[in-house]
ModelCIF file with pLDDT and N, C-alpha, C, O atoms, coordinates in Angstrom:
data_MODEL
#
_entry.id   MODEL 
#
_entity.id                         1 
_entity.type                       polymer 
_entity.pdbx_number_of_molecules   1 
#
_entity_poly.entity_id                      1 
_entity_poly.type                           'polypeptide(L)' 
_entity_poly.nstd_linkage                   no 
_entity_poly.nstd_monomer                   no 
_entity_poly.pdbx_seq_one_letter_code       MISKKAAETSKTIRPIAASSIYGIVFHKGFLW 
_entity_poly.pdbx_seq_one_letter_code_can   MISKKAAETSKTIRPIAASSIYGIVFHKGFLW 
_entity_poly.pdbx_strand_id                 A 
#
loop_
_entity_poly_seq.entity_id 
_entity_poly_seq.num 
_entity_poly_seq.mon_id 
_entity_poly_seq.hetero 
1 1  MET n 
1 2  ILE n 
1 3  SER n 
1 4  LYS n 
1 5  LYS n 
1 6  ALA n 
1 7  ALA n 
1 8  GLU n 
1 9  THR n 
1 10 SER n 
1 11 LYS n 
1 12 THR n 
1 13 ILE n 
1 14 ARG n 
1 15 PRO n 
1 16 ILE n 
1 17 ALA n 
1 18 ALA n 
1 19 SER n 
1 20 SER n 
1 21 ILE n 
1 22 TYR n 
1 23 GLY n 
1 24 ILE n 
1 25 VAL n 
1 26 PHE n 
1 27 HIS n 
1 28 LYS n 
1 29 GLY n 
1 30 PHE n 
1 31 LEU n 
1 32 TRP n 
#
_struct_asym.id          A 
_struct_asym.entity_id   1 
#
loop_
_ma_qa_metric.id 
_ma_qa_metric.mode 
_ma_qa_metric.name 
_ma_qa_metric.software_group_id 
_ma_qa_metric.type 
1 global pLDDT . pLDDT 
2 local  pLDDT . pLDDT 
#
_ma_qa_metric_global.metric_id      1 
_ma_qa_metric_global.metric_value   79.38 
_ma_qa_metric_global.model_id       1 
_ma_qa_metric_global.ordinal_id     1 
#
loop_
_ma_qa_metric_local.label_asym_id 
_ma_qa_metric_local.label_comp_id 
_ma_qa_metric_local.label_seq_id 
_ma_qa_metric_local.metric_id 
_ma_qa_metric_local.metric_value 
_ma_qa_metric_local.model_id 
_ma_qa_metric_local.ordinal_id 
A MET 1  2 35.00 1 1  
A ILE 2  2 38.00 1 2  
A SER 3  2 38.00 1 3  
A LYS 4  2 39.00 1 4  
A LYS 5  2 43.00 1 5  
A ALA 6  2 43.00 1 6  
A ALA 7  2 42.00 1 7  
A GLU 8  2 48.00 1 8  
A THR 9  2 46.00 1 9  
A SER 10 2 62.00 1 10 
A LYS 11 2 87.00 1 11 
A THR 12 2 95.00 1 12 
A ILE 13 2 97.00 1 13 
A ARG 14 2 96.00 1 14 
A PRO 15 2 96.00 1 15 
A ILE 16 2 96.00 1 16 
A ALA 17 2 95.00 1 17 
A ALA 18 2 97.00 1 18 
A SER 19 2 96.00 1 19 
A SER 20 2 97.00 1 20 
A ILE 21 2 98.00 1 21 
A TYR 22 2 97.00 1 22 
A GLY 23 2 96.00 1 23 
A ILE 24 2 98.00 1 24 
A VAL 25 2 98.00 1 25 
A PHE 26 2 97.00 1 26 
A HIS 27 2 95.00 1 27 
A LYS 28 2 92.00 1 28 
A GLY 29 2 92.00 1 29 
A PHE 30 2 96.00 1 30 
A LEU 31 2 97.00 1 31 
A TRP 32 2 98.00 1 32 
#
loop_
_atom_site.group_PDB 
_atom_site.id 
_atom_site.type_symbol 
_atom_site.label_atom_id 
_atom_site.label_alt_id 
_atom_site.label_comp_id 
_atom_site.label_asym_id 
_atom_site.label_entity_id 
_atom_site.label_seq_id 
_atom_site.pdbx_PDB_ins_code 
_atom_site.Cartn_x 
_atom_site.Cartn_y 
_atom_site.Cartn_z 
_atom_site.occupancy 
_atom_site.B_iso_or_equiv 
_atom_site.pdbx_formal_charge 
_atom_site.auth_seq_id 
_atom_site.auth_comp_id 
_atom_site.auth_asym_id 
_atom_site.auth_atom_id 
_atom_site.pdbx_PDB_model_num 
ATOM 1   N N  . MET A 1 1  ? 87.656 5.029  18.895 1.00 35.00 ? 1  MET A N  1 
ATOM 2   C CA . MET A 1 1  ? 86.217 5.046  19.165 1.00 35.00 ? 1  MET A CA 1 
ATOM 3   C C  . MET A 1 1  ? 85.970 5.445  20.611 1.00 35.00 ? 1  MET A C  1 
ATOM 4   O O  . MET A 1 1  ? 86.727 5.081  21.512 1.00 35.00 ? 1  MET A O  1 
ATOM 5   N N  . ILE A 1 2  ? 84.891 6.205  20.816 1.00 38.00 ? 2  ILE A N  1 
ATOM 6   C CA . ILE A 1 2  ? 84.557 6.657  22.155 1.00 38.00 ? 2  ILE A CA 1 
ATOM 7   C C  . ILE A 1 2  ? 84.108 5.487  23.015 1.00 38.00 ? 2  ILE A C  1 
ATOM 8   O O  . ILE A 1 2  ? 83.376 4.612  22.553 1.00 38.00 ? 2  ILE A O  1 
ATOM 9   N N  . SER A 1 3  ? 84.547 5.474  24.262 1.00 38.00 ? 3  SER A N  1 
ATOM 10  C CA . SER A 1 3  ? 84.103 4.440  25.188 1.00 38.00 ? 3  SER A CA 1 
ATOM 11  C C  . SER A 1 3  ? 82.605 4.552  25.432 1.00 38.00 ? 3  SER A C  1 
ATOM 12  O O  . SER A 1 3  ? 82.017 5.622  25.280 1.00 38.00 ? 3  SER A O  1 
ATOM 13  N N  . LYS A 1 4  ? 81.999 3.437  25.811 1.00 39.00 ? 4  LYS A N  1 
ATOM 14  C CA . LYS A 1 4  ? 80.561 3.413  26.057 1.00 39.00 ? 4  LYS A CA 1 
ATOM 15  C C  . LYS A 1 4  ? 80.225 3.676  27.525 1.00 39.00 ? 4  LYS A C  1 
ATOM 16  O O  . LYS A 1 4  ? 79.086 3.481  27.950 1.00 39.00 ? 4  LYS A O  1 
ATOM 17  N N  . LYS A 1 5  ? 81.200 4.112  28.282 1.00 43.00 ? 5  LYS A N  1 
ATOM 18  C CA . LYS A 1 5  ? 80.913 4.408  29.676 1.00 43.00 ? 5  LYS A CA 1 
ATOM 19  C C  . LYS A 1 5  ? 80.175 5.735  29.771 1.00 43.00 ? 5  LYS A C  1 
ATOM 20  O O  . LYS A 1 5  ? 80.461 6.666  29.018 1.00 43.00 ? 5  LYS A O  1 
ATOM 21  N N  . ALA A 1 6  ? 79.256 5.818  30.668 1.00 43.00 ? 6  ALA A N  1 
ATOM 22  C CA . ALA A 1 6  ? 78.502 7.055  30.855 1.00 43.00 ? 6  ALA A CA 1 
ATOM 23  C C  . ALA A 1 6  ? 79.315 8.035  31.672 1.00 43.00 ? 6  ALA A C  1 
ATOM 24  O O  . ALA A 1 6  ? 80.342 7.683  32.252 1.00 43.00 ? 6  ALA A O  1 
ATOM 25  N N  . ALA A 1 7  ? 78.841 9.273  31.710 1.00 42.00 ? 7  ALA A N  1 
ATOM 26  C CA . ALA A 1 7  ? 79.504 10.306 32.489 1.00 42.00 ? 7  ALA A CA 1 
ATOM 27  C C  . ALA A 1 7  ? 79.529 9.909  33.962 1.00 42.00 ? 7  ALA A C  1 
ATOM 28  O O  . ALA A 1 7  ? 78.644 9.203  34.444 1.00 42.00 ? 7  ALA A O  1 
ATOM 29  N N  . GLU A 1 8  ? 80.558 10.375 34.666 1.00 48.00 ? 8  GLU A N  1 
ATOM 30  C CA . GLU A 1 8  ? 80.694 10.011 36.059 1.00 48.00 ? 8  GLU A CA 1 
ATOM 31  C C  . GLU A 1 8  ? 79.834 10.934 36.927 1.00 48.00 ? 8  GLU A C  1 
ATOM 32  O O  . GLU A 1 8  ? 78.869 11.519 36.435 1.00 48.00 ? 8  GLU A O  1 
ATOM 33  N N  . THR A 1 9  ? 80.167 11.068 38.183 1.00 46.00 ? 9  THR A N  1 
ATOM 34  C CA . THR A 1 9  ? 79.230 11.627 39.141 1.00 46.00 ? 9  THR A CA 1 
ATOM 35  C C  . THR A 1 9  ? 79.113 13.147 39.106 1.00 46.00 ? 9  THR A C  1 
ATOM 36  O O  . THR A 1 9  ? 78.265 13.689 39.815 1.00 46.00 ? 9  THR A O  1 
ATOM 37  N N  . SER A 1 10 ? 79.912 13.861 38.326 1.00 62.00 ? 10 SER A N  1 
ATOM 38  C CA . SER A 1 10 ? 79.772 15.306 38.233 1.00 62.00 ? 10 SER A CA 1 
ATOM 39  C C  . SER A 1 10 ? 78.344 15.635 37.822 1.00 62.00 ? 10 SER A C  1 
ATOM 40  O O  . SER A 1 10 ? 77.783 14.985 36.940 1.00 62.00 ? 10 SER A O  1 
ATOM 41  N N  . LYS A 1 11 ? 77.765 16.628 38.450 1.00 87.00 ? 11 LYS A N  1 
ATOM 42  C CA . LYS A 1 11 ? 76.344 16.873 38.275 1.00 87.00 ? 11 LYS A CA 1 
ATOM 43  C C  . LYS A 1 11 ? 76.077 18.309 37.846 1.00 87.00 ? 11 LYS A C  1 
ATOM 44  O O  . LYS A 1 11 ? 76.942 19.183 37.900 1.00 87.00 ? 11 LYS A O  1 
ATOM 45  N N  . THR A 1 12 ? 74.851 18.503 37.422 1.00 95.00 ? 12 THR A N  1 
ATOM 46  C CA . THR A 1 12 ? 74.387 19.846 37.129 1.00 95.00 ? 12 THR A CA 1 
ATOM 47  C C  . THR A 1 12 ? 74.131 20.568 38.447 1.00 95.00 ? 12 THR A C  1 
ATOM 48  O O  . THR A 1 12 ? 73.455 20.043 39.332 1.00 95.00 ? 12 THR A O  1 
ATOM 49  N N  . ILE A 1 13 ? 74.677 21.774 38.570 1.00 97.00 ? 13 ILE A N  1 
ATOM 50  C CA . ILE A 1 13 ? 74.508 22.580 39.780 1.00 97.00 ? 13 ILE A CA 1 
ATOM 51  C C  . ILE A 1 13 ? 73.429 23.627 39.495 1.00 97.00 ? 13 ILE A C  1 
ATOM 52  O O  . ILE A 1 13 ? 73.513 24.381 38.525 1.00 97.00 ? 13 ILE A O  1 
ATOM 53  N N  . ARG A 1 14 ? 72.413 23.654 40.362 1.00 96.00 ? 14 ARG A N  1 
ATOM 54  C CA . ARG A 1 14 ? 71.286 24.580 40.188 1.00 96.00 ? 14 ARG A CA 1 
ATOM 55  C C  . ARG A 1 14 ? 71.154 25.441 41.435 1.00 96.00 ? 14 ARG A C  1 
ATOM 56  O O  . ARG A 1 14 ? 70.489 25.040 42.390 1.00 96.00 ? 14 ARG A O  1 
ATOM 57  N N  . PRO A 1 15 ? 71.771 26.605 41.445 1.00 96.00 ? 15 PRO A N  1 
ATOM 58  C CA . PRO A 1 15 ? 71.686 27.475 42.628 1.00 96.00 ? 15 PRO A CA 1 
ATOM 59  C C  . PRO A 1 15 ? 70.245 27.882 42.921 1.00 96.00 ? 15 PRO A C  1 
ATOM 60  O O  . PRO A 1 15 ? 69.474 28.169 42.006 1.00 96.00 ? 15 PRO A O  1 
ATOM 61  N N  . ILE A 1 16 ? 69.892 27.904 44.195 1.00 96.00 ? 16 ILE A N  1 
ATOM 62  C CA . ILE A 1 16 ? 68.543 28.296 44.604 1.00 96.00 ? 16 ILE A CA 1 
ATOM 63  C C  . ILE A 1 16 ? 68.376 29.807 44.425 1.00 96.00 ? 16 ILE A C  1 
ATOM 64  O O  . ILE A 1 16 ? 69.226 30.595 44.839 1.00 96.00 ? 16 ILE A O  1 
ATOM 65  N N  . ALA A 1 17 ? 67.269 30.188 43.804 1.00 95.00 ? 17 ALA A N  1 
ATOM 66  C CA . ALA A 1 17 ? 66.875 31.593 43.621 1.00 95.00 ? 17 ALA A CA 1 
ATOM 67  C C  . ALA A 1 17 ? 67.742 32.345 42.620 1.00 95.00 ? 17 ALA A C  1 
ATOM 68  O O  . ALA A 1 17 ? 67.600 33.561 42.488 1.00 95.00 ? 17 ALA A O  1 
ATOM 69  N N  . ALA A 1 18 ? 68.637 31.660 41.912 1.00 97.00 ? 18 ALA A N  1 
ATOM 70  C CA . ALA A 1 18 ? 69.482 32.343 40.918 1.00 97.00 ? 18 ALA A CA 1 
ATOM 71  C C  . ALA A 1 18 ? 68.705 32.531 39.614 1.00 97.00 ? 18 ALA A C  1 
ATOM 72  O O  . ALA A 1 18 ? 67.864 31.707 39.255 1.00 97.00 ? 18 ALA A O  1 
ATOM 73  N N  . SER A 1 19 ? 68.997 33.620 38.917 1.00 96.00 ? 19 SER A N  1 
ATOM 74  C CA . SER A 1 19 ? 68.292 33.901 37.667 1.00 96.00 ? 19 SER A CA 1 
ATOM 75  C C  . SER A 1 19 ? 69.218 34.105 36.481 1.00 96.00 ? 19 SER A C  1 
ATOM 76  O O  . SER A 1 19 ? 68.808 33.868 35.345 1.00 96.00 ? 19 SER A O  1 
ATOM 77  N N  . SER A 1 20 ? 70.461 34.540 36.709 1.00 97.00 ? 20 SER A N  1 
ATOM 78  C CA . SER A 1 20 ? 71.357 34.814 35.574 1.00 97.00 ? 20 SER A CA 1 
ATOM 79  C C  . SER A 1 20 ? 72.811 34.754 36.030 1.00 97.00 ? 20 SER A C  1 
ATOM 80  O O  . SER A 1 20 ? 73.437 35.786 36.274 1.00 97.00 ? 20 SER A O  1 
ATOM 81  N N  . ILE A 1 21 ? 73.346 33.534 36.144 1.00 98.00 ? 21 ILE A N  1 
ATOM 82  C CA . ILE A 1 21 ? 74.720 33.337 36.600 1.00 98.00 ? 21 ILE A CA 1 
ATOM 83  C C  . ILE A 1 21 ? 75.703 33.677 35.486 1.00 98.00 ? 21 ILE A C  1 
ATOM 84  O O  . ILE A 1 21 ? 75.524 33.246 34.347 1.00 98.00 ? 21 ILE A O  1 
ATOM 85  N N  . TYR A 1 22 ? 76.737 34.443 35.808 1.00 97.00 ? 22 TYR A N  1 
ATOM 86  C CA . TYR A 1 22 ? 77.819 34.743 34.861 1.00 97.00 ? 22 TYR A CA 1 
ATOM 87  C C  . TYR A 1 22 ? 79.140 34.225 35.432 1.00 97.00 ? 22 TYR A C  1 
ATOM 88  O O  . TYR A 1 22 ? 79.436 33.038 35.301 1.00 97.00 ? 22 TYR A O  1 
ATOM 89  N N  . GLY A 1 23 ? 79.930 35.081 36.057 1.00 96.00 ? 23 GLY A N  1 
ATOM 90  C CA . GLY A 1 23 ? 81.231 34.649 36.537 1.00 96.00 ? 23 GLY A CA 1 
ATOM 91  C C  . GLY A 1 23 ? 81.121 33.603 37.632 1.00 96.00 ? 23 GLY A C  1 
ATOM 92  O O  . GLY A 1 23 ? 80.281 33.713 38.525 1.00 96.00 ? 23 GLY A O  1 
ATOM 93  N N  . ILE A 1 24 ? 81.988 32.567 37.559 1.00 98.00 ? 24 ILE A N  1 
ATOM 94  C CA . ILE A 1 24 ? 82.016 31.524 38.588 1.00 98.00 ? 24 ILE A CA 1 
ATOM 95  C C  . ILE A 1 24 ? 83.463 31.211 38.964 1.00 98.00 ? 24 ILE A C  1 
ATOM 96  O O  . ILE A 1 24 ? 84.372 31.342 38.143 1.00 98.00 ? 24 ILE A O  1 
ATOM 97  N N  . VAL A 1 25 ? 83.664 30.794 40.222 1.00 98.00 ? 25 VAL A N  1 
ATOM 98  C CA . VAL A 1 25 ? 84.982 30.407 40.739 1.00 98.00 ? 25 VAL A CA 1 
ATOM 99  C C  . VAL A 1 25 ? 84.774 29.329 41.797 1.00 98.00 ? 25 VAL A C  1 
ATOM 100 O O  . VAL A 1 25 ? 83.867 29.444 42.622 1.00 98.00 ? 25 VAL A O  1 
ATOM 101 N N  . PHE A 1 26 ? 85.597 28.287 41.787 1.00 97.00 ? 26 PHE A N  1 
ATOM 102 C CA . PHE A 1 26 ? 85.604 27.321 42.886 1.00 97.00 ? 26 PHE A CA 1 
ATOM 103 C C  . PHE A 1 26 ? 86.588 27.804 43.941 1.00 97.00 ? 26 PHE A C  1 
ATOM 104 O O  . PHE A 1 26 ? 87.744 28.103 43.639 1.00 97.00 ? 26 PHE A O  1 
ATOM 105 N N  . HIS A 1 27 ? 86.111 27.875 45.196 1.00 95.00 ? 27 HIS A N  1 
ATOM 106 C CA . HIS A 1 27 ? 86.924 28.447 46.265 1.00 95.00 ? 27 HIS A CA 1 
ATOM 107 C C  . HIS A 1 27 ? 86.607 27.737 47.577 1.00 95.00 ? 27 HIS A C  1 
ATOM 108 O O  . HIS A 1 27 ? 85.485 27.815 48.079 1.00 95.00 ? 27 HIS A O  1 
ATOM 109 N N  . LYS A 1 28 ? 87.603 27.044 48.128 1.00 92.00 ? 28 LYS A N  1 
ATOM 110 C CA . LYS A 1 28 ? 87.505 26.385 49.427 1.00 92.00 ? 28 LYS A CA 1 
ATOM 111 C C  . LYS A 1 28 ? 86.295 25.458 49.518 1.00 92.00 ? 28 LYS A C  1 
ATOM 112 O O  . LYS A 1 28 ? 85.548 25.484 50.497 1.00 92.00 ? 28 LYS A O  1 
ATOM 113 N N  . GLY A 1 29 ? 86.114 24.640 48.484 1.00 92.00 ? 29 GLY A N  1 
ATOM 114 C CA . GLY A 1 29 ? 85.060 23.636 48.500 1.00 92.00 ? 29 GLY A CA 1 
ATOM 115 C C  . GLY A 1 29 ? 83.693 24.123 48.074 1.00 92.00 ? 29 GLY A C  1 
ATOM 116 O O  . GLY A 1 29 ? 82.755 23.330 47.989 1.00 92.00 ? 29 GLY A O  1 
ATOM 117 N N  . PHE A 1 30 ? 83.561 25.412 47.806 1.00 96.00 ? 30 PHE A N  1 
ATOM 118 C CA . PHE A 1 30 ? 82.289 25.978 47.369 1.00 96.00 ? 30 PHE A CA 1 
ATOM 119 C C  . PHE A 1 30 ? 82.426 26.558 45.962 1.00 96.00 ? 30 PHE A C  1 
ATOM 120 O O  . PHE A 1 30 ? 83.526 26.859 45.497 1.00 96.00 ? 30 PHE A O  1 
ATOM 121 N N  . LEU A 1 31 ? 81.296 26.703 45.311 1.00 97.00 ? 31 LEU A N  1 
ATOM 122 C CA . LEU A 1 31 ? 81.249 27.422 44.044 1.00 97.00 ? 31 LEU A CA 1 
ATOM 123 C C  . LEU A 1 31 ? 80.744 28.826 44.339 1.00 97.00 ? 31 LEU A C  1 
ATOM 124 O O  . LEU A 1 31 ? 79.649 29.005 44.872 1.00 97.00 ? 31 LEU A O  1 
ATOM 125 N N  . TRP A 1 32 ? 81.552 29.820 43.988 1.00 98.00 ? 32 TRP A N  1 
ATOM 126 C CA . TRP A 1 32 ? 81.136 31.211 44.115 1.00 98.00 ? 32 TRP A CA 1 
ATOM 127 C C  . TRP A 1 32 ? 80.685 31.689 42.742 1.00 98.00 ? 32 TRP A C  1 
ATOM 128 O O  . TRP A 1 32 ? 80.284 32.843 42.592 1.00 98.00 ? 32 TRP A O  1 
#
């Protein structure tokens, strides 16, 4: 059975002024 704990601190990332994100990469602490 699935645990009843909620999701941890990972969050939805909403880039400012972005309209259609496709390729993504994590690089040196940033999301490209």
